[in-house]
Amino acid sequence: MLKTLSIAAVFFTSLLLVLSPAVAEDEGEADLKKMAGEWIPVLMQLNGKKQPDKVAKSIRLTITGDKYNTVVGEEKDEGTLKVDATKTPREMDITPSVGPNKGKLLPCIYELKGNELKVCYGLNGTERPADFKAGEDTKGVVMLITYKRASKNGRR
């Protein structure tokens, strides 16, 4: 009986180890599905300084699958994003294919709660932010943006 319980325990432990990455991968895919749509910044900070509302109001972020498209005034930035739901905080890698950061990897962290998406960008392309702070003491260039899902008519 004890041998049977030991074998069962080893089996279930092995099964959990095999399924854990799949569950986390599914969570990442679920996050991408939840992110789909149009987002509008409601708060932007760059190295501890709140950015003007005028700048935030000129930005529209659209996510479709693993692709994003951002319009900042007249300027376009688009590319791919990859999420990792196994990390805490959750990680996102952005690779622009169009725009000023074309071909550069932007390591980020993100938090998705209902109709709010918070992203902290490591704009220097080398260091991923450790937390959701964009203070003056942060290493490199860090931008923190809190987005709200755009309503059907494009307003907040």
N, C-alpha and C. Protein backbone atom coordinates (compact mmCIF):
# COMPACT_ATOMS: atom_id res chain seq x y z
N MET A 1 0.82 -1.19 0.00
CA MET A 1 0.00 0.00 0.00
C MET A 1 0.87 1.26 0.00
N LEU A 2 1.89 1.28 0.85
CA LEU A 2 2.78 2.43 0.94
C LEU A 2 3.51 2.63 -0.39
N LYS A 3 3.91 1.52 -1.02
CA LYS A 3 4.60 1.61 -2.31
C LYS A 3 3.66 2.20 -3.36
N THR A 4 2.41 1.82 -3.35
CA THR A 4 1.44 2.34 -4.30
C THR A 4 1.24 3.84 -4.10
N LEU A 5 1.15 4.29 -2.83
CA LEU A 5 1.01 5.71 -2.55
C LEU A 5 2.23 6.49 -2.99
N SER A 6 3.42 5.93 -2.80
CA SER A 6 4.65 6.60 -3.22
C SER A 6 4.69 6.76 -4.73
N ILE A 7 4.30 5.69 -5.45
CA ILE A 7 4.28 5.74 -6.91
C ILE A 7 3.27 6.79 -7.37
N ALA A 8 2.11 6.84 -6.73
CA ALA A 8 1.07 7.81 -7.09
C ALA A 8 1.57 9.23 -6.83
N ALA A 9 2.26 9.44 -5.71
CA ALA A 9 2.78 10.77 -5.38
C ALA A 9 3.81 11.22 -6.41
N VAL A 10 4.70 10.32 -6.80
CA VAL A 10 5.70 10.64 -7.82
C VAL A 10 5.02 10.95 -9.15
N PHE A 11 4.01 10.17 -9.50
CA PHE A 11 3.29 10.39 -10.75
C PHE A 11 2.63 11.78 -10.76
N PHE A 12 1.90 12.11 -9.70
CA PHE A 12 1.20 13.39 -9.66
C PHE A 12 2.18 14.57 -9.60
N THR A 13 3.30 14.41 -8.90
CA THR A 13 4.31 15.47 -8.87
C THR A 13 4.88 15.67 -10.26
N SER A 14 5.18 14.60 -10.95
CA SER A 14 5.70 14.68 -12.31
C SER A 14 4.68 15.33 -13.24
N LEU A 15 3.43 14.96 -13.08
CA LEU A 15 2.37 15.53 -13.90
C LEU A 15 2.25 17.03 -13.68
N LEU A 16 2.34 17.47 -12.42
CA LEU A 16 2.28 18.90 -12.13
C LEU A 16 3.46 19.64 -12.75
N LEU A 17 4.64 19.05 -12.70
CA LEU A 17 5.82 19.69 -13.29
C LEU A 17 5.68 19.83 -14.81
N VAL A 18 5.09 18.85 -15.43
CA VAL A 18 4.89 18.89 -16.88
C VAL A 18 3.81 19.89 -17.25
N LEU A 19 2.73 19.95 -16.47
CA LEU A 19 1.61 20.82 -16.79
C LEU A 19 1.83 22.27 -16.40
N SER A 20 2.68 22.57 -15.42
CA SER A 20 2.89 23.94 -14.96
C SER A 20 3.27 24.90 -16.08
N PRO A 21 4.27 24.58 -16.93
CA PRO A 21 4.58 25.51 -18.02
C PRO A 21 3.42 25.68 -18.98
N ALA A 22 2.66 24.62 -19.21
CA ALA A 22 1.52 24.71 -20.12
C ALA A 22 0.45 25.63 -19.54
N VAL A 23 0.22 25.53 -18.24
CA VAL A 23 -0.77 26.39 -17.59
C VAL A 23 -0.31 27.84 -17.68
N ALA A 24 0.97 28.12 -17.39
CA ALA A 24 1.50 29.48 -17.48
C ALA A 24 1.43 30.00 -18.91
N GLU A 25 1.73 29.13 -19.87
CA GLU A 25 1.66 29.53 -21.28
C GLU A 25 0.22 29.88 -21.63
N ASP A 26 -0.72 29.07 -21.13
CA ASP A 26 -2.13 29.35 -21.36
C ASP A 26 -2.52 30.68 -20.73
N GLU A 27 -1.97 31.01 -19.55
CA GLU A 27 -2.25 32.29 -18.91
C GLU A 27 -1.73 33.44 -19.76
N GLY A 28 -0.55 33.26 -20.35
CA GLY A 28 0.01 34.28 -21.24
C GLY A 28 -0.88 34.49 -22.44
N GLU A 29 -1.34 33.40 -23.04
CA GLU A 29 -2.25 33.49 -24.19
C GLU A 29 -3.56 34.15 -23.76
N ALA A 30 -4.04 33.81 -22.57
CA ALA A 30 -5.27 34.42 -22.06
C ALA A 30 -5.07 35.92 -21.86
N ASP A 31 -3.90 36.31 -21.35
CA ASP A 31 -3.61 37.74 -21.18
C ASP A 31 -3.64 38.46 -22.52
N LEU A 32 -3.03 37.86 -23.55
CA LEU A 32 -3.04 38.49 -24.88
C LEU A 32 -4.46 38.67 -25.38
N LYS A 33 -5.30 37.68 -25.15
CA LYS A 33 -6.70 37.79 -25.59
C LYS A 33 -7.41 38.91 -24.83
N LYS A 34 -7.13 39.02 -23.53
CA LYS A 34 -7.75 40.07 -22.72
C LYS A 34 -7.24 41.46 -23.12
N MET A 35 -6.00 41.52 -23.61
CA MET A 35 -5.41 42.80 -24.01
C MET A 35 -5.93 43.27 -25.37
N ALA A 36 -6.54 42.39 -26.13
CA ALA A 36 -6.99 42.74 -27.48
C ALA A 36 -7.92 43.94 -27.43
N GLY A 37 -7.67 44.89 -28.32
CA GLY A 37 -8.52 46.06 -28.41
C GLY A 37 -7.71 47.35 -28.36
N GLU A 38 -8.43 48.44 -28.15
CA GLU A 38 -7.81 49.76 -28.14
C GLU A 38 -7.68 50.29 -26.71
N TRP A 39 -6.51 50.89 -26.43
CA TRP A 39 -6.19 51.40 -25.10
C TRP A 39 -5.78 52.86 -25.19
N ILE A 40 -6.13 53.61 -24.15
CA ILE A 40 -5.81 55.04 -24.08
C ILE A 40 -5.06 55.30 -22.77
N PRO A 41 -3.91 55.98 -22.81
CA PRO A 41 -3.19 56.28 -21.57
C PRO A 41 -3.97 57.25 -20.69
N VAL A 42 -3.98 56.97 -19.39
CA VAL A 42 -4.58 57.89 -18.44
C VAL A 42 -3.52 58.48 -17.51
N LEU A 43 -2.35 57.84 -17.48
CA LEU A 43 -1.23 58.35 -16.69
C LEU A 43 0.07 57.92 -17.34
N MET A 44 0.97 58.88 -17.51
CA MET A 44 2.29 58.59 -18.09
C MET A 44 3.36 59.25 -17.24
N GLN A 45 4.39 58.45 -16.89
CA GLN A 45 5.53 58.99 -16.16
C GLN A 45 6.80 58.56 -16.87
N LEU A 46 7.72 59.48 -17.02
CA LEU A 46 9.02 59.19 -17.60
C LEU A 46 10.07 59.61 -16.59
N ASN A 47 10.80 58.63 -16.06
CA ASN A 47 11.82 58.88 -15.03
C ASN A 47 11.31 59.79 -13.91
N GLY A 48 10.11 59.49 -13.41
CA GLY A 48 9.57 60.19 -12.27
C GLY A 48 8.82 61.46 -12.58
N LYS A 49 8.75 61.82 -13.83
CA LYS A 49 8.07 63.06 -14.19
C LYS A 49 6.79 62.73 -14.95
N LYS A 50 5.66 63.24 -14.43
CA LYS A 50 4.38 63.05 -15.11
C LYS A 50 4.46 63.76 -16.45
N GLN A 51 4.05 63.07 -17.48
CA GLN A 51 4.05 63.64 -18.82
C GLN A 51 2.77 64.43 -19.04
N PRO A 52 2.84 65.46 -19.87
CA PRO A 52 1.67 66.31 -20.10
C PRO A 52 0.46 65.52 -20.61
N ASP A 53 -0.71 65.90 -20.14
CA ASP A 53 -1.95 65.26 -20.59
C ASP A 53 -2.10 65.35 -22.10
N LYS A 54 -1.60 66.42 -22.68
CA LYS A 54 -1.67 66.62 -24.13
C LYS A 54 -0.98 65.46 -24.86
N VAL A 55 0.15 65.02 -24.32
CA VAL A 55 0.88 63.89 -24.93
C VAL A 55 0.07 62.61 -24.79
N ALA A 56 -0.43 62.35 -23.58
CA ALA A 56 -1.21 61.13 -23.33
C ALA A 56 -2.45 61.07 -24.23
N LYS A 57 -3.09 62.21 -24.43
CA LYS A 57 -4.31 62.24 -25.24
C LYS A 57 -4.04 62.00 -26.72
N SER A 58 -2.78 62.14 -27.13
CA SER A 58 -2.44 61.92 -28.54
C SER A 58 -2.09 60.47 -28.85
N ILE A 59 -2.11 59.61 -27.84
CA ILE A 59 -1.67 58.21 -27.99
C ILE A 59 -2.86 57.26 -28.05
N ARG A 60 -2.77 56.31 -28.98
CA ARG A 60 -3.73 55.21 -29.07
C ARG A 60 -2.93 53.94 -29.26
N LEU A 61 -3.18 52.94 -28.42
CA LEU A 61 -2.53 51.64 -28.51
C LEU A 61 -3.59 50.62 -28.90
N THR A 62 -3.30 49.84 -29.93
CA THR A 62 -4.21 48.77 -30.35
C THR A 62 -3.43 47.46 -30.32
N ILE A 63 -4.01 46.46 -29.67
CA ILE A 63 -3.38 45.13 -29.58
C ILE A 63 -4.30 44.12 -30.26
N THR A 64 -3.70 43.33 -31.15
CA THR A 64 -4.40 42.26 -31.86
C THR A 64 -3.49 41.05 -31.85
N GLY A 65 -3.86 40.02 -31.09
CA GLY A 65 -3.00 38.85 -30.98
C GLY A 65 -1.67 39.24 -30.36
N ASP A 66 -0.57 38.89 -31.03
CA ASP A 66 0.75 39.26 -30.52
C ASP A 66 1.31 40.48 -31.25
N LYS A 67 0.44 41.26 -31.85
CA LYS A 67 0.85 42.46 -32.60
C LYS A 67 0.29 43.70 -31.90
N TYR A 68 1.04 44.79 -31.98
CA TYR A 68 0.55 46.04 -31.44
C TYR A 68 0.77 47.14 -32.47
N ASN A 69 -0.02 48.18 -32.34
CA ASN A 69 0.09 49.36 -33.19
C ASN A 69 -0.16 50.55 -32.28
N THR A 70 0.78 51.47 -32.26
CA THR A 70 0.64 52.68 -31.45
C THR A 70 0.72 53.89 -32.36
N VAL A 71 -0.18 54.81 -32.14
CA VAL A 71 -0.14 56.08 -32.85
C VAL A 71 0.07 57.16 -31.80
N VAL A 72 1.14 57.95 -31.99
CA VAL A 72 1.44 59.07 -31.10
C VAL A 72 1.37 60.32 -31.97
N GLY A 73 0.26 61.01 -31.90
CA GLY A 73 0.06 62.14 -32.81
C GLY A 73 0.01 61.62 -34.24
N GLU A 74 1.02 62.01 -35.04
CA GLU A 74 1.12 61.56 -36.44
C GLU A 74 2.09 60.40 -36.61
N GLU A 75 2.86 60.08 -35.55
CA GLU A 75 3.90 59.06 -35.63
C GLU A 75 3.35 57.67 -35.31
N LYS A 76 3.79 56.67 -36.09
CA LYS A 76 3.36 55.29 -35.88
C LYS A 76 4.50 54.47 -35.29
N ASP A 77 4.12 53.52 -34.45
CA ASP A 77 5.04 52.56 -33.88
C ASP A 77 4.27 51.25 -33.84
N GLU A 78 4.80 50.23 -34.47
CA GLU A 78 4.12 48.94 -34.45
C GLU A 78 5.14 47.82 -34.43
N GLY A 79 4.68 46.65 -34.01
CA GLY A 79 5.56 45.49 -33.95
C GLY A 79 4.88 44.33 -33.24
N THR A 80 5.70 43.53 -32.56
CA THR A 80 5.18 42.35 -31.88
C THR A 80 5.44 42.44 -30.39
N LEU A 81 4.64 41.69 -29.65
CA LEU A 81 4.87 41.59 -28.22
C LEU A 81 4.77 40.14 -27.79
N LYS A 82 5.56 39.82 -26.80
CA LYS A 82 5.59 38.46 -26.26
C LYS A 82 5.44 38.58 -24.76
N VAL A 83 4.50 37.83 -24.18
CA VAL A 83 4.28 37.91 -22.75
C VAL A 83 4.74 36.64 -22.07
N ASP A 84 5.14 36.78 -20.82
CA ASP A 84 5.56 35.65 -20.00
C ASP A 84 4.81 35.74 -18.68
N ALA A 85 3.78 34.92 -18.54
CA ALA A 85 2.95 34.93 -17.34
C ALA A 85 3.53 34.10 -16.21
N THR A 86 4.70 33.48 -16.43
CA THR A 86 5.32 32.67 -15.37
C THR A 86 6.11 33.53 -14.40
N LYS A 87 6.38 34.77 -14.75
CA LYS A 87 7.20 35.64 -13.91
C LYS A 87 6.31 36.55 -13.07
N THR A 88 6.86 37.01 -11.97
CA THR A 88 6.20 37.98 -11.11
C THR A 88 7.13 39.15 -10.89
N PRO A 89 6.80 40.35 -11.34
CA PRO A 89 5.63 40.67 -12.13
C PRO A 89 5.71 40.05 -13.53
N ARG A 90 4.59 39.98 -14.19
CA ARG A 90 4.55 39.39 -15.53
C ARG A 90 5.39 40.23 -16.49
N GLU A 91 6.03 39.53 -17.42
CA GLU A 91 6.96 40.20 -18.33
C GLU A 91 6.40 40.28 -19.74
N MET A 92 6.85 41.31 -20.44
CA MET A 92 6.48 41.51 -21.84
C MET A 92 7.72 42.00 -22.57
N ASP A 93 7.97 41.43 -23.74
CA ASP A 93 9.04 41.91 -24.62
C ASP A 93 8.39 42.51 -25.84
N ILE A 94 8.72 43.74 -26.12
CA ILE A 94 8.19 44.44 -27.28
C ILE A 94 9.30 44.59 -28.30
N THR A 95 9.01 44.23 -29.54
CA THR A 95 9.97 44.37 -30.64
C THR A 95 9.32 45.19 -31.75
N PRO A 96 9.64 46.48 -31.81
CA PRO A 96 9.07 47.33 -32.85
C PRO A 96 9.62 46.99 -34.24
N SER A 97 8.75 47.01 -35.24
CA SER A 97 9.17 46.80 -36.62
C SER A 97 9.01 48.09 -37.44
N VAL A 98 8.32 49.06 -36.86
CA VAL A 98 8.12 50.37 -37.49
C VAL A 98 8.24 51.41 -36.39
N GLY A 99 8.88 52.52 -36.69
CA GLY A 99 8.96 53.61 -35.72
C GLY A 99 10.37 53.86 -35.24
N PRO A 100 10.52 54.76 -34.28
CA PRO A 100 11.85 55.20 -33.83
C PRO A 100 12.68 54.11 -33.15
N ASN A 101 12.03 53.09 -32.61
CA ASN A 101 12.76 52.00 -31.93
C ASN A 101 12.81 50.73 -32.77
N LYS A 102 12.63 50.86 -34.07
CA LYS A 102 12.60 49.71 -34.98
C LYS A 102 13.79 48.77 -34.73
N GLY A 103 13.46 47.47 -34.54
CA GLY A 103 14.48 46.45 -34.36
C GLY A 103 15.06 46.36 -32.96
N LYS A 104 14.68 47.24 -32.08
CA LYS A 104 15.20 47.25 -30.71
C LYS A 104 14.25 46.47 -29.80
N LEU A 105 14.79 45.69 -28.88
CA LEU A 105 13.98 44.97 -27.91
C LEU A 105 13.71 45.89 -26.72
N LEU A 106 12.45 46.02 -26.34
CA LEU A 106 12.08 46.82 -25.18
C LEU A 106 11.53 45.88 -24.10
N PRO A 107 12.33 45.60 -23.07
CA PRO A 107 11.85 44.73 -21.99
C PRO A 107 10.91 45.49 -21.07
N CYS A 108 9.78 44.86 -20.73
CA CYS A 108 8.76 45.53 -19.93
C CYS A 108 8.22 44.56 -18.88
N ILE A 109 7.45 45.12 -17.96
CA ILE A 109 6.60 44.33 -17.08
C ILE A 109 5.18 44.87 -17.26
N TYR A 110 4.19 44.03 -16.98
CA TYR A 110 2.81 44.47 -17.15
C TYR A 110 1.91 43.90 -16.07
N GLU A 111 0.78 44.59 -15.90
CA GLU A 111 -0.25 44.14 -14.98
C GLU A 111 -1.59 44.43 -15.66
N LEU A 112 -2.42 43.44 -15.72
CA LEU A 112 -3.71 43.56 -16.37
C LEU A 112 -4.81 43.28 -15.35
N LYS A 113 -5.63 44.30 -15.09
CA LYS A 113 -6.74 44.15 -14.15
C LYS A 113 -7.99 44.74 -14.79
N GLY A 114 -8.86 43.89 -15.25
CA GLY A 114 -10.10 44.35 -15.87
C GLY A 114 -9.82 45.23 -17.08
N ASN A 115 -10.30 46.47 -17.04
CA ASN A 115 -10.12 47.40 -18.14
C ASN A 115 -8.93 48.34 -17.94
N GLU A 116 -7.98 47.91 -17.11
CA GLU A 116 -6.78 48.69 -16.87
C GLU A 116 -5.54 47.85 -17.20
N LEU A 117 -4.64 48.43 -17.97
CA LEU A 117 -3.38 47.78 -18.34
C LEU A 117 -2.25 48.71 -17.94
N LYS A 118 -1.39 48.23 -17.06
CA LYS A 118 -0.25 49.02 -16.61
C LYS A 118 1.00 48.39 -17.21
N VAL A 119 1.82 49.21 -17.88
CA VAL A 119 3.05 48.72 -18.50
C VAL A 119 4.20 49.62 -18.06
N CYS A 120 5.27 49.00 -17.60
CA CYS A 120 6.49 49.73 -17.25
C CYS A 120 7.55 49.30 -18.25
N TYR A 121 7.99 50.26 -19.07
CA TYR A 121 8.89 50.01 -20.19
C TYR A 121 10.34 50.30 -19.81
N GLY A 122 11.25 49.39 -20.16
CA GLY A 122 12.68 49.64 -20.05
C GLY A 122 13.16 50.20 -21.38
N LEU A 123 13.14 51.51 -21.51
CA LEU A 123 13.40 52.12 -22.81
C LEU A 123 14.86 52.07 -23.25
N ASN A 124 15.76 51.73 -22.32
CA ASN A 124 17.17 51.63 -22.73
C ASN A 124 17.44 50.33 -23.48
N GLY A 125 16.48 49.42 -23.48
CA GLY A 125 16.59 48.19 -24.25
C GLY A 125 17.45 47.11 -23.61
N THR A 126 17.98 47.37 -22.42
CA THR A 126 18.85 46.37 -21.79
C THR A 126 18.34 45.87 -20.45
N GLU A 127 17.68 46.74 -19.70
CA GLU A 127 17.23 46.34 -18.37
C GLU A 127 15.72 46.35 -18.26
N ARG A 128 15.19 45.25 -17.74
CA ARG A 128 13.75 45.15 -17.51
C ARG A 128 13.46 45.80 -16.16
N PRO A 129 12.45 46.66 -16.08
CA PRO A 129 12.10 47.23 -14.78
C PRO A 129 11.74 46.12 -13.79
N ALA A 130 12.08 46.33 -12.54
CA ALA A 130 11.81 45.32 -11.51
C ALA A 130 10.44 45.52 -10.88
N ASP A 131 9.94 46.77 -10.92
CA ASP A 131 8.64 47.07 -10.33
C ASP A 131 7.99 48.21 -11.10
N PHE A 132 6.80 48.56 -10.69
CA PHE A 132 6.03 49.56 -11.42
C PHE A 132 6.33 50.96 -10.88
N LYS A 133 7.58 51.35 -11.02
CA LYS A 133 8.02 52.67 -10.60
C LYS A 133 8.81 53.28 -11.74
N ALA A 134 8.63 54.56 -11.92
CA ALA A 134 9.40 55.28 -12.95
C ALA A 134 10.02 56.51 -12.30
N GLY A 135 10.54 56.31 -11.09
CA GLY A 135 11.12 57.43 -10.35
C GLY A 135 12.45 57.89 -10.93
N GLU A 136 12.90 59.04 -10.44
CA GLU A 136 14.17 59.61 -10.90
C GLU A 136 15.35 58.70 -10.58
N ASP A 137 15.19 57.84 -9.56
CA ASP A 137 16.28 56.97 -9.16
C ASP A 137 16.32 55.65 -9.93
N THR A 138 15.40 55.45 -10.89
CA THR A 138 15.39 54.20 -11.65
C THR A 138 16.56 54.17 -12.62
N LYS A 139 17.12 52.99 -12.80
CA LYS A 139 18.23 52.83 -13.74
C LYS A 139 17.72 52.94 -15.17
N GLY A 140 18.50 53.55 -16.01
CA GLY A 140 18.12 53.65 -17.41
C GLY A 140 16.93 54.56 -17.60
N VAL A 141 16.30 54.46 -18.70
CA VAL A 141 15.13 55.27 -19.01
C VAL A 141 13.90 54.39 -18.81
N VAL A 142 13.04 54.78 -17.89
CA VAL A 142 11.87 53.97 -17.56
C VAL A 142 10.61 54.80 -17.76
N MET A 143 9.67 54.24 -18.50
CA MET A 143 8.37 54.88 -18.70
C MET A 143 7.30 53.97 -18.14
N LEU A 144 6.43 54.56 -17.33
CA LEU A 144 5.30 53.84 -16.76
C LEU A 144 4.03 54.45 -17.35
N ILE A 145 3.22 53.61 -17.97
CA ILE A 145 1.95 54.08 -18.54
C ILE A 145 0.82 53.21 -18.03
N THR A 146 -0.21 53.87 -17.54
CA THR A 146 -1.44 53.17 -17.16
C THR A 146 -2.46 53.49 -18.25
N TYR A 147 -2.95 52.43 -18.89
CA TYR A 147 -3.94 52.54 -19.96
C TYR A 147 -5.31 52.13 -19.44
N LYS A 148 -6.33 52.72 -20.01
CA LYS A 148 -7.71 52.27 -19.81
C LYS A 148 -8.23 51.83 -21.17
N ARG A 149 -9.06 50.81 -21.16
CA ARG A 149 -9.65 50.34 -22.41
C ARG A 149 -10.54 51.44 -22.97
N ALA A 150 -10.38 51.69 -24.26
CA ALA A 150 -11.21 52.69 -24.94
C ALA A 150 -12.63 52.16 -25.06
N SER A 151 -13.58 53.03 -24.95
CA SER A 151 -14.97 52.62 -25.13
C SER A 151 -15.23 52.44 -26.62
N LYS A 152 -16.37 51.94 -26.93
CA LYS A 152 -16.71 51.66 -28.34
C LYS A 152 -16.65 52.89 -29.22
N ASN A 153 -16.93 54.07 -28.66
CA ASN A 153 -16.92 55.29 -29.48
C ASN A 153 -15.56 56.00 -29.45
N GLY A 154 -14.54 55.33 -28.82
CA GLY A 154 -13.19 55.88 -28.84
C GLY A 154 -12.88 56.84 -27.71
N ARG A 155 -13.86 57.11 -26.83
CA ARG A 155 -13.62 58.00 -25.70
C ARG A 155 -13.40 57.20 -24.45
N ARG A 156 -12.87 57.88 -23.43
CA ARG A 156 -12.66 57.22 -22.14
C ARG A 156 -13.94 57.09 -21.38
